[in-house]
Amino acid sequence: MYAIAIDRRQVGQHLNLLTEMFRLRRRVFRDRLEWNVSACGDLEIDIYDAVEPTYLVVFSQQNDVIGCVRLLPTTGPNMLADTFSVLLAEREAPRDAAVLESSRFCIDTKRATELGRNGLNRATLILFAAMLEAMQARSARSIVTVTDTVMERILRRAGWPLERLAPPQQIGETNAVAGFLHNSESALQKLYSYANCDGPVLGTADAGRHAA
């Protein structure tokens, strides 16, 4: 199992891979969770996929896409500021080069069944670790995200707790919450241990893939 990062400059070189990722997002968010998300055929794509995203993608040993998350700069359009500002409880959305936003975090639980040492899905742990590594590579201090209280509990079990910006609010069928995930070397080392890997999990699409 391994992860790679694809930024906006590399999108044209990796269209097939990204198509697999957008298919996964459709299967998870529209088909399984029944969220009201935009879809183009069997792909889930929204307006934020056009504003300088970096994608972190997790692969199985068979090279199947089994997880992904999108990172955006908070200095431009992002989901918390422009779609889910109600979750801020009248606070200002972060607008800071040292703060990223994560969105569209998903795992293909039908293909990714291996568990880590703490009982959480190993692909989830690998993707959390990749997010922390991406933060460190960009010298970012935090990721801000919109998630639900189920994922909040998973993050706590993984040793990377969410710092809430405001109390949760019901949005459709989801008990949604916004918060910060801070850059933490101790959290990263816990994730490596729980995921049963020795070190960095994240490579670049151009540098090639590696297993973890």
Protein backbone atom coordinates (compact mmCIF):
# COMPACT_ATOMS: atom_id res chain seq x y z
CA MET A 1 0.00 0.00 0.00
CA TYR A 2 1.38 3.42 -0.91
CA ALA A 3 0.35 7.02 -1.60
CA ILE A 4 1.32 9.59 -4.20
CA ALA A 5 0.74 13.33 -4.56
CA ILE A 6 -0.47 14.88 -7.81
CA ASP A 7 -0.53 18.65 -8.11
CA ARG A 8 -2.18 20.84 -10.76
CA ARG A 9 0.94 20.85 -12.96
CA GLN A 10 0.77 17.05 -13.27
CA VAL A 11 -2.94 16.62 -13.98
CA GLY A 12 -2.52 16.27 -17.74
CA GLN A 13 0.04 13.48 -17.29
CA HIS A 14 -2.16 11.39 -15.02
CA LEU A 15 -5.67 11.62 -16.44
CA ASN A 16 -6.32 7.88 -16.25
CA LEU A 17 -5.30 7.76 -12.61
CA LEU A 18 -7.42 10.80 -11.77
CA THR A 19 -10.38 9.31 -13.60
CA GLU A 20 -10.14 6.30 -11.27
CA MET A 21 -10.07 8.69 -8.33
CA PHE A 22 -13.15 10.60 -9.49
CA ARG A 23 -14.95 7.27 -9.97
CA LEU A 24 -14.10 6.33 -6.40
CA ARG A 25 -15.46 9.65 -5.18
CA ARG A 26 -18.70 9.02 -7.08
CA ARG A 27 -19.05 5.51 -5.58
CA VAL A 28 -18.45 6.76 -2.06
CA PHE A 29 -20.15 10.14 -1.88
CA ARG A 30 -23.06 9.78 -4.27
CA ASP A 31 -23.78 6.05 -4.41
CA ARG A 32 -22.91 4.88 -0.88
CA LEU A 33 -23.40 7.97 1.29
CA GLU A 34 -26.11 9.50 -0.96
CA TRP A 35 -24.71 13.01 -0.59
CA ASN A 36 -26.05 15.72 -2.87
CA VAL A 37 -22.85 16.05 -4.90
CA SER A 38 -22.35 16.88 -8.55
CA ALA A 39 -21.69 14.01 -10.94
CA CYS A 40 -20.62 13.75 -14.56
CA GLY A 41 -21.50 10.25 -15.68
CA ASP A 42 -19.70 7.90 -13.28
CA LEU A 43 -17.37 10.66 -12.02
CA GLU A 44 -17.79 13.03 -9.05
CA ILE A 45 -16.21 16.40 -9.83
CA ASP A 46 -16.97 19.82 -8.37
CA ILE A 47 -15.88 23.43 -8.86
CA TYR A 48 -13.02 23.11 -6.39
CA ASP A 49 -11.30 20.59 -8.64
CA ALA A 50 -10.50 23.58 -10.89
CA VAL A 51 -8.76 25.76 -8.28
CA GLU A 52 -5.19 24.50 -7.78
CA PRO A 53 -5.86 21.22 -6.01
CA THR A 54 -3.28 18.71 -4.89
CA TYR A 55 -4.59 15.15 -4.71
CA LEU A 56 -3.21 12.51 -2.39
CA VAL A 57 -4.10 9.06 -3.72
CA VAL A 58 -3.65 5.72 -1.95
CA PHE A 59 -3.09 2.53 -3.95
CA SER A 60 -3.33 -1.11 -3.04
CA GLN A 61 -0.48 -3.52 -3.79
CA GLN A 62 -2.48 -4.40 -6.94
CA ASN A 63 -2.30 -0.72 -8.04
CA ASP A 64 -6.01 -0.08 -7.47
CA VAL A 65 -7.05 3.37 -6.26
CA ILE A 66 -8.43 2.73 -2.77
CA GLY A 67 -8.37 6.18 -1.18
CA CYS A 68 -7.94 9.86 -1.86
CA VAL A 69 -8.17 13.35 -0.42
CA ARG A 70 -7.98 16.80 -1.99
CA LEU A 71 -5.85 19.61 -0.59
CA LEU A 72 -6.54 23.26 -1.44
CA PRO A 73 -4.86 26.51 -0.38
CA THR A 74 -7.06 28.51 1.98
CA THR A 75 -5.87 31.69 0.27
CA GLY A 76 -8.26 30.94 -2.62
CA PRO A 77 -11.73 29.43 -3.01
CA ASN A 78 -12.31 26.47 -0.69
CA MET A 79 -15.22 24.46 0.68
CA LEU A 80 -15.22 25.75 4.25
CA ALA A 81 -15.12 29.43 3.29
CA ASP A 82 -17.42 29.28 0.27
CA THR A 83 -19.77 26.31 0.75
CA PHE A 84 -19.91 25.42 4.46
CA SER A 85 -19.32 28.78 6.15
CA VAL A 86 -22.35 28.05 8.35
CA LEU A 87 -20.08 25.68 10.28
CA LEU A 88 -17.86 28.59 11.33
CA ALA A 89 -20.47 30.03 13.74
CA GLU A 90 -19.71 33.58 12.54
CA ARG A 91 -15.92 33.13 12.80
CA GLU A 92 -13.74 34.14 9.87
CA ALA A 93 -12.59 31.33 7.60
CA PRO A 94 -8.82 30.76 7.65
CA ARG A 95 -7.02 32.62 4.86
CA ASP A 96 -3.39 31.74 5.38
CA ALA A 97 -0.61 30.33 3.21
CA ALA A 98 0.39 28.10 6.14
CA VAL A 99 -3.08 26.56 6.41
CA LEU A 100 -4.37 24.06 3.82
CA GLU A 101 -7.89 22.72 3.41
CA SER A 102 -8.68 19.03 2.98
CA SER A 103 -11.87 17.77 1.37
CA ARG A 104 -13.30 14.71 -0.41
CA PHE A 105 -11.51 12.29 1.91
CA CYS A 106 -12.68 8.78 1.06
CA ILE A 107 -11.64 5.13 1.28
CA ASP A 108 -12.89 2.21 -0.81
CA THR A 109 -13.75 -0.05 2.13
CA LYS A 110 -14.73 -2.92 -0.21
CA ARG A 111 -11.19 -3.12 -1.59
CA ALA A 112 -9.29 -1.80 1.41
CA THR A 113 -10.04 -4.28 4.18
CA GLU A 114 -6.69 -4.57 5.95
CA LEU A 115 -6.67 -3.25 9.52
CA GLY A 116 -3.89 -1.43 11.33
CA ARG A 117 -2.56 -2.20 14.79
CA ASN A 118 -5.25 -0.07 16.49
CA GLY A 119 -8.13 -1.68 14.59
CA LEU A 120 -8.66 1.17 12.12
CA ASN A 121 -8.60 0.66 8.36
CA ARG A 122 -4.95 0.66 7.26
CA ALA A 123 -5.68 2.70 4.11
CA THR A 124 -7.24 5.38 6.32
CA LEU A 125 -4.10 5.49 8.47
CA ILE A 126 -1.86 5.68 5.38
CA LEU A 127 -3.91 8.58 3.99
CA PHE A 128 -3.78 10.45 7.32
CA ALA A 129 0.00 10.01 7.35
CA ALA A 130 0.23 11.23 3.75
CA MET A 131 -1.69 14.37 4.74
CA LEU A 132 0.76 15.09 7.54
CA GLU A 133 3.72 14.48 5.24
CA ALA A 134 2.20 16.83 2.64
CA MET A 135 1.80 19.49 5.32
CA GLN A 136 5.41 19.15 6.35
CA ALA A 137 6.59 19.31 2.73
CA ARG A 138 4.77 22.63 2.35
CA SER A 139 5.82 23.99 5.75
CA ALA A 140 2.14 24.26 6.65
CA ARG A 141 1.14 24.33 10.29
CA SER A 142 -2.45 23.08 9.93
CA ILE A 143 -5.13 21.60 7.72
CA VAL A 144 -8.68 22.87 8.11
CA THR A 145 -11.44 20.49 7.15
CA VAL A 146 -15.17 19.88 7.14
CA THR A 147 -16.01 16.38 8.29
CA ASP A 148 -18.56 14.53 10.39
CA THR A 149 -18.55 13.40 13.99
CA VAL A 150 -17.89 9.79 12.94
CA MET A 151 -14.62 10.79 11.25
CA GLU A 152 -13.85 13.03 14.22
CA ARG A 153 -13.90 9.94 16.46
CA ILE A 154 -11.72 8.03 13.97
CA LEU A 155 -9.16 10.85 13.99
CA ARG A 156 -9.09 10.76 17.78
CA ARG A 157 -8.49 6.99 17.76
CA ALA A 158 -5.72 7.49 15.22
CA GLY A 159 -3.92 9.91 17.54
CA TRP A 160 -4.54 12.98 15.38
CA PRO A 161 -7.44 14.80 17.07
CA LEU A 162 -9.51 17.50 15.41
CA GLU A 163 -9.60 20.93 17.05
CA ARG A 164 -13.17 22.11 16.52
CA LEU A 165 -13.86 25.60 15.21
CA ALA A 166 -17.46 25.48 16.42
CA PRO A 167 -20.03 22.93 17.63
CA PRO A 168 -21.33 20.39 15.05
CA GLN A 169 -24.40 21.22 12.97
CA GLN A 170 -26.80 18.97 11.12
CA ILE A 171 -26.42 19.32 7.33
CA GLY A 172 -28.81 16.95 5.59
CA GLU A 173 -28.16 13.52 7.08
CA THR A 174 -24.69 14.48 8.32
CA ASN A 175 -23.69 15.77 11.74
CA ALA A 176 -21.00 18.05 10.31
CA VAL A 177 -18.14 19.79 12.06
CA ALA A 178 -15.28 22.04 10.96
CA GLY A 179 -11.89 22.07 12.61
CA PHE A 180 -8.11 22.09 12.43
CA LEU A 181 -5.73 19.16 12.11
CA HIS A 182 -2.35 20.42 13.23
CA ASN A 183 1.11 19.51 11.99
CA SER A 184 2.45 17.09 14.57
CA GLU A 185 5.51 14.86 14.38
CA SER A 186 4.27 12.80 17.33
CA ALA A 187 0.94 12.17 15.57
CA LEU A 188 2.80 11.16 12.40
CA GLN A 189 4.94 8.66 14.27
CA LYS A 190 1.81 7.16 15.87
CA LEU A 191 0.23 6.78 12.44
CA TYR A 192 3.33 5.02 11.09
CA SER A 193 3.18 2.62 14.03
CA TYR A 194 -0.56 1.97 13.72
CA ALA A 195 -0.23 1.46 9.95
CA ASN A 196 2.69 -0.93 10.48
CA CYS A 197 5.11 0.98 8.27
CA ASP A 198 8.62 2.23 8.97
CA GLY A 199 8.55 5.72 7.56
CA PRO A 200 7.32 8.05 4.85
CA VAL A 201 4.34 6.81 2.84
CA LEU A 202 3.99 9.63 0.31
CA GLY A 203 5.77 9.84 -3.02
CA THR A 204 5.17 11.94 -6.12
CA ALA A 205 3.58 10.76 -9.33
CA ASP A 206 6.64 11.88 -11.29
CA ALA A 207 9.16 10.19 -8.98
CA GLY A 208 7.39 6.85 -9.14
CA ARG A 209 5.50 4.77 -6.61
CA HIS A 210 6.70 2.89 -3.59
CA ALA A 211 5.09 0.40 -1.24
CA ALA A 212 4.42 0.86 2.46
